[in-house]
Amino acid sequence: MTGEPKRQPGDGQTRRRGAALEEAILRAAADELTESGYAGLTMDRVAQRAGTNKNTIYRRWPNRLALGIAAYRQLTTTIQPPDTGTLRGDALELLRRANRHWSSPSARSCATCCPRQAARRNCWPSCPSSPPTR
């Protein structure tokens, strides 16, 4: 062994693992949700965008619903709160953002598809927001 990091064939980059890999997958899934909505979220597209394979994703999230919920939760936690200088201004801006968000096609798609899928699988309350720790 030479002590050098393992490289994937042809990409010239170090192989991502752990938190870095999970972050890349969640970022790719969040981007897919934003662009295509839940109906357009596929493991193939997320894997391609994240630069990994479907098996890696399925090891962390058992199905598309669990990945979609985890990605959506990441989207909601990465939003910076408004700072307009007044409490009233902050509250109004937050409500404007929420209105824009829930009026968008991707949010409407997620709001209608995710609960139906979860109800069918009876997993909404227990669906993991992140992969299990090992």
N, C-alpha and C. Protein backbone atom coordinates (compact mmCIF):
# COMPACT_ATOMS: atom_id res chain seq x y z
N MET A 1 0.83 -1.18 0.00
CA MET A 1 0.00 0.00 0.00
C MET A 1 0.88 1.24 0.00
N THR A 2 0.48 2.21 -0.75
CA THR A 2 1.27 3.43 -0.85
C THR A 2 0.76 4.53 0.06
N GLY A 3 -0.39 4.34 0.66
CA GLY A 3 -0.94 5.36 1.55
C GLY A 3 -1.74 6.42 0.83
N GLU A 4 -1.85 6.32 -0.50
CA GLU A 4 -2.63 7.30 -1.25
C GLU A 4 -4.11 6.92 -1.18
N PRO A 5 -5.01 7.92 -1.27
CA PRO A 5 -6.44 7.62 -1.23
C PRO A 5 -6.86 6.85 -2.47
N LYS A 6 -7.89 6.01 -2.31
CA LYS A 6 -8.42 5.26 -3.44
C LYS A 6 -9.06 6.22 -4.42
N ARG A 7 -8.90 5.93 -5.69
CA ARG A 7 -9.48 6.76 -6.73
C ARG A 7 -10.45 5.93 -7.56
N GLN A 8 -11.50 6.59 -8.00
CA GLN A 8 -12.44 5.91 -8.88
C GLN A 8 -11.86 5.97 -10.28
N PRO A 9 -12.11 4.95 -11.07
CA PRO A 9 -11.54 4.93 -12.42
C PRO A 9 -12.03 6.12 -13.25
N GLY A 10 -11.09 6.84 -13.81
CA GLY A 10 -11.41 7.88 -14.76
C GLY A 10 -11.81 9.22 -14.22
N ASP A 11 -12.02 9.41 -12.94
CA ASP A 11 -12.49 10.71 -12.48
C ASP A 11 -11.41 11.56 -11.85
N GLY A 12 -10.33 10.96 -11.41
CA GLY A 12 -9.23 11.73 -10.85
C GLY A 12 -9.53 12.36 -9.50
N GLN A 13 -10.64 12.00 -8.87
CA GLN A 13 -10.99 12.56 -7.56
C GLN A 13 -10.92 11.47 -6.51
N THR A 14 -10.76 11.89 -5.27
CA THR A 14 -10.77 10.94 -4.16
C THR A 14 -12.18 10.42 -3.96
N ARG A 15 -12.29 9.21 -3.54
CA ARG A 15 -13.59 8.61 -3.30
C ARG A 15 -14.22 9.21 -2.05
N ARG A 16 -15.46 9.69 -2.19
CA ARG A 16 -16.15 10.27 -1.04
C ARG A 16 -16.75 9.16 -0.20
N ARG A 17 -16.76 9.40 1.09
CA ARG A 17 -17.36 8.45 2.03
C ARG A 17 -18.06 9.22 3.14
N GLY A 18 -18.84 8.51 3.92
CA GLY A 18 -19.45 9.06 5.12
C GLY A 18 -20.27 10.32 4.87
N ALA A 19 -20.00 11.32 5.70
CA ALA A 19 -20.80 12.55 5.67
C ALA A 19 -20.68 13.29 4.34
N ALA A 20 -19.51 13.28 3.73
CA ALA A 20 -19.33 13.98 2.45
C ALA A 20 -20.18 13.34 1.36
N LEU A 21 -20.23 12.03 1.34
CA LEU A 21 -21.04 11.32 0.35
C LEU A 21 -22.53 11.55 0.61
N GLU A 22 -22.95 11.47 1.86
CA GLU A 22 -24.36 11.69 2.20
C GLU A 22 -24.78 13.11 1.85
N GLU A 23 -23.91 14.07 2.10
CA GLU A 23 -24.19 15.46 1.76
C GLU A 23 -24.37 15.62 0.25
N ALA A 24 -23.50 14.98 -0.53
CA ALA A 24 -23.61 15.06 -1.99
C ALA A 24 -24.91 14.44 -2.49
N ILE A 25 -25.30 13.32 -1.91
CA ILE A 25 -26.54 12.65 -2.31
C ILE A 25 -27.75 13.52 -1.94
N LEU A 26 -27.76 14.04 -0.72
CA LEU A 26 -28.89 14.89 -0.30
C LEU A 26 -28.96 16.17 -1.12
N ARG A 27 -27.82 16.75 -1.44
CA ARG A 27 -27.80 17.96 -2.27
C ARG A 27 -28.36 17.64 -3.66
N ALA A 28 -27.95 16.50 -4.23
CA ALA A 28 -28.45 16.10 -5.54
C ALA A 28 -29.95 15.83 -5.50
N ALA A 29 -30.41 15.17 -4.45
CA ALA A 29 -31.84 14.89 -4.32
C ALA A 29 -32.63 16.18 -4.14
N ALA A 30 -32.10 17.10 -3.35
CA ALA A 30 -32.78 18.39 -3.15
C ALA A 30 -32.86 19.17 -4.46
N ASP A 31 -31.79 19.12 -5.25
CA ASP A 31 -31.81 19.79 -6.55
C ASP A 31 -32.85 19.16 -7.47
N GLU A 32 -32.93 17.84 -7.45
CA GLU A 32 -33.94 17.15 -8.27
C GLU A 32 -35.35 17.50 -7.81
N LEU A 33 -35.56 17.56 -6.50
CA LEU A 33 -36.87 17.95 -5.98
C LEU A 33 -37.24 19.35 -6.43
N THR A 34 -36.27 20.26 -6.36
CA THR A 34 -36.52 21.65 -6.74
C THR A 34 -36.84 21.75 -8.23
N GLU A 35 -36.11 21.01 -9.05
CA GLU A 35 -36.30 21.11 -10.50
C GLU A 35 -37.50 20.31 -11.01
N SER A 36 -37.69 19.10 -10.48
CA SER A 36 -38.67 18.20 -11.06
C SER A 36 -39.82 17.83 -10.14
N GLY A 37 -39.74 18.20 -8.86
CA GLY A 37 -40.77 17.81 -7.91
C GLY A 37 -40.61 16.34 -7.52
N TYR A 38 -41.44 15.90 -6.59
CA TYR A 38 -41.34 14.52 -6.11
C TYR A 38 -41.63 13.52 -7.22
N ALA A 39 -42.57 13.84 -8.09
CA ALA A 39 -42.93 12.93 -9.17
C ALA A 39 -41.74 12.66 -10.10
N GLY A 40 -40.85 13.64 -10.24
CA GLY A 40 -39.69 13.47 -11.12
C GLY A 40 -38.44 12.99 -10.41
N LEU A 41 -38.52 12.78 -9.11
CA LEU A 41 -37.37 12.32 -8.33
C LEU A 41 -37.16 10.84 -8.57
N THR A 42 -36.01 10.49 -9.14
CA THR A 42 -35.69 9.07 -9.34
C THR A 42 -34.31 8.79 -8.77
N MET A 43 -34.11 7.58 -8.32
CA MET A 43 -32.82 7.19 -7.77
C MET A 43 -31.73 7.28 -8.84
N ASP A 44 -32.09 6.94 -10.08
CA ASP A 44 -31.12 7.02 -11.18
C ASP A 44 -30.60 8.44 -11.36
N ARG A 45 -31.52 9.40 -11.41
CA ARG A 45 -31.12 10.79 -11.63
C ARG A 45 -30.33 11.35 -10.46
N VAL A 46 -30.73 10.98 -9.23
CA VAL A 46 -30.00 11.43 -8.05
C VAL A 46 -28.60 10.84 -8.06
N ALA A 47 -28.48 9.56 -8.36
CA ALA A 47 -27.17 8.90 -8.40
C ALA A 47 -26.27 9.55 -9.45
N GLN A 48 -26.82 9.82 -10.61
CA GLN A 48 -26.03 10.45 -11.67
C GLN A 48 -25.58 11.84 -11.25
N ARG A 49 -26.46 12.60 -10.68
CA ARG A 49 -26.14 13.97 -10.26
C ARG A 49 -25.13 13.98 -9.12
N ALA A 50 -25.23 13.01 -8.21
CA ALA A 50 -24.32 12.95 -7.06
C ALA A 50 -22.99 12.30 -7.42
N GLY A 51 -22.92 11.68 -8.58
CA GLY A 51 -21.67 11.03 -8.98
C GLY A 51 -21.43 9.73 -8.22
N THR A 52 -22.51 8.99 -7.99
CA THR A 52 -22.39 7.71 -7.28
C THR A 52 -23.33 6.72 -7.95
N ASN A 53 -23.57 5.58 -7.32
CA ASN A 53 -24.49 4.62 -7.93
C ASN A 53 -25.71 4.40 -7.03
N LYS A 54 -26.72 3.76 -7.60
CA LYS A 54 -27.97 3.57 -6.86
C LYS A 54 -27.79 2.71 -5.62
N ASN A 55 -26.91 1.72 -5.67
CA ASN A 55 -26.70 0.86 -4.50
C ASN A 55 -26.26 1.67 -3.29
N THR A 56 -25.41 2.65 -3.52
CA THR A 56 -24.94 3.50 -2.44
C THR A 56 -26.10 4.27 -1.81
N ILE A 57 -27.01 4.74 -2.63
CA ILE A 57 -28.17 5.48 -2.12
C ILE A 57 -29.10 4.55 -1.36
N TYR A 58 -29.38 3.38 -1.94
CA TYR A 58 -30.29 2.43 -1.28
C TYR A 58 -29.73 1.90 0.04
N ARG A 59 -28.41 1.90 0.21
CA ARG A 59 -27.85 1.49 1.50
C ARG A 59 -28.19 2.48 2.60
N ARG A 60 -28.41 3.72 2.22
CA ARG A 60 -28.67 4.77 3.21
C ARG A 60 -30.16 5.10 3.35
N TRP A 61 -30.89 5.05 2.24
CA TRP A 61 -32.33 5.34 2.25
C TRP A 61 -33.02 4.18 1.54
N PRO A 62 -33.99 3.54 2.19
CA PRO A 62 -34.58 2.31 1.63
C PRO A 62 -35.44 2.51 0.39
N ASN A 63 -35.94 3.74 0.18
CA ASN A 63 -36.81 3.96 -0.97
C ASN A 63 -36.81 5.45 -1.33
N ARG A 64 -37.49 5.74 -2.42
CA ARG A 64 -37.54 7.11 -2.93
C ARG A 64 -38.22 8.05 -1.94
N LEU A 65 -39.23 7.57 -1.25
CA LEU A 65 -39.94 8.40 -0.29
C LEU A 65 -39.01 8.85 0.84
N ALA A 66 -38.27 7.92 1.41
CA ALA A 66 -37.35 8.26 2.50
C ALA A 66 -36.29 9.25 2.03
N LEU A 67 -35.76 9.06 0.83
CA LEU A 67 -34.77 10.00 0.28
C LEU A 67 -35.42 11.35 0.03
N GLY A 68 -36.63 11.37 -0.51
CA GLY A 68 -37.32 12.63 -0.78
C GLY A 68 -37.58 13.42 0.49
N ILE A 69 -37.99 12.74 1.55
CA ILE A 69 -38.25 13.43 2.82
C ILE A 69 -36.96 13.97 3.41
N ALA A 70 -35.90 13.17 3.36
CA ALA A 70 -34.60 13.63 3.88
C ALA A 70 -34.09 14.84 3.09
N ALA A 71 -34.25 14.79 1.78
CA ALA A 71 -33.81 15.91 0.95
C ALA A 71 -34.66 17.15 1.22
N TYR A 72 -35.95 16.96 1.38
CA TYR A 72 -36.83 18.10 1.67
C TYR A 72 -36.49 18.71 3.02
N ARG A 73 -36.21 17.87 4.01
CA ARG A 73 -35.81 18.39 5.32
C ARG A 73 -34.51 19.17 5.23
N GLN A 74 -33.60 18.70 4.40
CA GLN A 74 -32.36 19.45 4.23
C GLN A 74 -32.64 20.80 3.58
N LEU A 75 -33.53 20.82 2.61
CA LEU A 75 -33.90 22.08 1.96
C LEU A 75 -34.45 23.07 2.98
N THR A 76 -35.28 22.60 3.88
CA THR A 76 -35.91 23.51 4.84
C THR A 76 -34.95 23.97 5.92
N THR A 77 -33.90 23.22 6.18
CA THR A 77 -32.95 23.64 7.22
C THR A 77 -31.83 24.52 6.67
N THR A 78 -31.66 24.58 5.36
CA THR A 78 -30.59 25.39 4.80
C THR A 78 -31.04 26.82 4.48
N ILE A 79 -32.29 27.13 4.69
CA ILE A 79 -32.80 28.46 4.40
C ILE A 79 -32.42 29.40 5.54
N GLN A 80 -31.83 30.53 5.19
CA GLN A 80 -31.45 31.52 6.19
C GLN A 80 -32.66 32.36 6.59
N PRO A 81 -32.84 32.61 7.86
CA PRO A 81 -33.97 33.45 8.29
C PRO A 81 -33.77 34.89 7.83
N PRO A 82 -34.85 35.60 7.57
CA PRO A 82 -34.71 36.98 7.11
C PRO A 82 -34.21 37.89 8.23
N ASP A 83 -33.55 38.96 7.84
CA ASP A 83 -33.09 39.96 8.80
C ASP A 83 -33.32 41.33 8.19
N THR A 84 -34.53 41.85 8.36
CA THR A 84 -34.88 43.14 7.78
C THR A 84 -34.63 44.30 8.74
N GLY A 85 -34.32 43.96 9.98
CA GLY A 85 -34.07 45.00 10.97
C GLY A 85 -35.22 45.20 11.95
N THR A 86 -36.40 44.66 11.59
CA THR A 86 -37.54 44.75 12.51
C THR A 86 -38.21 43.40 12.61
N LEU A 87 -38.83 43.15 13.74
CA LEU A 87 -39.53 41.88 13.92
C LEU A 87 -40.69 41.77 12.94
N ARG A 88 -41.42 42.87 12.76
CA ARG A 88 -42.55 42.85 11.82
C ARG A 88 -42.06 42.56 10.40
N GLY A 89 -40.99 43.22 9.99
CA GLY A 89 -40.43 42.99 8.66
C GLY A 89 -39.95 41.56 8.47
N ASP A 90 -39.30 41.01 9.51
CA ASP A 90 -38.83 39.61 9.45
C ASP A 90 -40.01 38.66 9.30
N ALA A 91 -41.07 38.88 10.09
CA ALA A 91 -42.25 38.01 10.04
C ALA A 91 -42.92 38.08 8.67
N LEU A 92 -43.05 39.29 8.12
CA LEU A 92 -43.67 39.45 6.80
C LEU A 92 -42.84 38.77 5.72
N GLU A 93 -41.54 38.95 5.77
CA GLU A 93 -40.66 38.32 4.77
C GLU A 93 -40.72 36.80 4.87
N LEU A 94 -40.75 36.28 6.08
CA LEU A 94 -40.85 34.84 6.27
C LEU A 94 -42.16 34.30 5.69
N LEU A 95 -43.25 35.03 5.91
CA LEU A 95 -44.54 34.61 5.34
C LEU A 95 -44.53 34.70 3.81
N ARG A 96 -43.89 35.73 3.27
CA ARG A 96 -43.79 35.85 1.81
C ARG A 96 -43.01 34.67 1.22
N ARG A 97 -41.91 34.33 1.87
CA ARG A 97 -41.11 33.18 1.40
C ARG A 97 -41.91 31.89 1.47
N ALA A 98 -42.62 31.70 2.57
CA ALA A 98 -43.44 30.48 2.72
C ALA A 98 -44.51 30.43 1.63
N ASN A 99 -45.12 31.55 1.35
CA ASN A 99 -46.14 31.60 0.31
C ASN A 99 -45.55 31.28 -1.06
N ARG A 100 -44.40 31.88 -1.37
CA ARG A 100 -43.74 31.58 -2.65
C ARG A 100 -43.38 30.10 -2.73
N HIS A 101 -42.86 29.58 -1.63
CA HIS A 101 -42.44 28.17 -1.62
C HIS A 101 -43.63 27.24 -1.83
N TRP A 102 -44.68 27.39 -1.03
CA TRP A 102 -45.80 26.46 -1.11
C TRP A 102 -46.65 26.67 -2.35
N SER A 103 -46.43 27.78 -3.06
CA SER A 103 -47.13 28.00 -4.32
C SER A 103 -46.35 27.45 -5.51
N SER A 104 -45.11 27.04 -5.29
CA SER A 104 -44.27 26.56 -6.40
C SER A 104 -44.71 25.16 -6.83
N PRO A 105 -44.47 24.81 -8.09
CA PRO A 105 -44.86 23.49 -8.58
C PRO A 105 -44.20 22.35 -7.81
N SER A 106 -42.94 22.49 -7.43
CA SER A 106 -42.26 21.40 -6.73
C SER A 106 -42.86 21.17 -5.35
N ALA A 107 -43.24 22.23 -4.64
CA ALA A 107 -43.83 22.08 -3.31
C ALA A 107 -45.23 21.48 -3.41
N ARG A 108 -46.00 21.90 -4.41
CA ARG A 108 -47.34 21.33 -4.58
C ARG A 108 -47.23 19.84 -4.91
N SER A 109 -46.27 19.50 -5.75
CA SER A 109 -46.08 18.10 -6.11
C SER A 109 -45.70 17.27 -4.89
N CYS A 110 -44.77 17.78 -4.10
CA CYS A 110 -44.33 17.07 -2.91
C CYS A 110 -45.46 16.97 -1.89
N ALA A 111 -46.22 18.04 -1.73
CA ALA A 111 -47.31 18.05 -0.74
C ALA A 111 -48.41 17.08 -1.10
N THR A 112 -48.58 16.79 -2.40
CA THR A 112 -49.63 15.85 -2.78
C THR A 112 -49.12 14.42 -2.89
N CYS A 113 -47.89 14.23 -3.37
CA CYS A 113 -47.38 12.88 -3.58
C CYS A 113 -46.82 12.24 -2.32
N CYS A 114 -46.03 12.96 -1.55
CA CYS A 114 -45.36 12.36 -0.39
C CYS A 114 -46.35 11.79 0.62
N PRO A 115 -47.36 12.54 1.06
CA PRO A 115 -48.28 11.96 2.05
C PRO A 115 -49.03 10.74 1.53
N ARG A 116 -49.40 10.73 0.24
CA ARG A 116 -50.09 9.57 -0.32
C ARG A 116 -49.17 8.35 -0.32
N GLN A 117 -47.92 8.55 -0.74
CA GLN A 117 -46.96 7.44 -0.73
C GLN A 117 -46.73 6.96 0.69
N ALA A 118 -46.58 7.88 1.62
CA ALA A 118 -46.31 7.52 3.01
C ALA A 118 -47.50 6.79 3.63
N ALA A 119 -48.70 7.23 3.31
CA ALA A 119 -49.89 6.57 3.86
C ALA A 119 -49.99 5.15 3.34
N ARG A 120 -49.64 4.95 2.08
CA ARG A 120 -49.67 3.61 1.52
C ARG A 120 -48.68 2.70 2.24
N ARG A 121 -47.55 3.26 2.61
CA ARG A 121 -46.51 2.46 3.26
C ARG A 121 -46.59 2.56 4.78
N ASN A 122 -47.48 3.43 5.27
CA ASN A 122 -47.66 3.63 6.70
C ASN A 122 -46.34 4.00 7.38
N CYS A 123 -45.61 4.97 6.78
CA CYS A 123 -44.30 5.28 7.33
C CYS A 123 -44.05 6.77 7.55
N TRP A 124 -45.01 7.64 7.31
CA TRP A 124 -44.74 9.09 7.45
C TRP A 124 -44.17 9.45 8.81
N PRO A 125 -44.80 9.03 9.95
CA PRO A 125 -44.25 9.45 11.24
C PRO A 125 -42.88 8.86 11.54
N SER A 126 -42.59 7.68 11.02
CA SER A 126 -41.34 7.03 11.37
C SER A 126 -40.30 7.10 10.27
N CYS A 127 -40.59 7.80 9.19
CA CYS A 127 -39.67 7.85 8.06
C CYS A 127 -38.39 8.58 8.49
N PRO A 128 -37.24 7.99 8.23
CA PRO A 128 -35.98 8.61 8.69
C PRO A 128 -35.66 9.87 7.90
N SER A 129 -35.16 10.87 8.59
CA SER A 129 -34.74 12.09 7.91
C SER A 129 -33.31 11.96 7.44
N SER A 130 -32.61 11.01 7.96
CA SER A 130 -31.24 10.78 7.54
C SER A 130 -30.97 9.29 7.64
N PRO A 131 -29.92 8.82 7.00
CA PRO A 131 -29.63 7.40 7.03
C PRO A 131 -29.29 6.93 8.43
N PRO A 132 -29.54 5.66 8.71
CA PRO A 132 -29.22 5.14 10.03
C PRO A 132 -27.73 5.18 10.29
N THR A 133 -27.33 5.37 11.52
CA THR A 133 -25.92 5.37 11.84
C THR A 133 -25.47 3.94 12.07
N ARG A 134 -24.22 3.70 11.72
CA ARG A 134 -23.69 2.34 11.86
C ARG A 134 -22.58 2.33 12.85
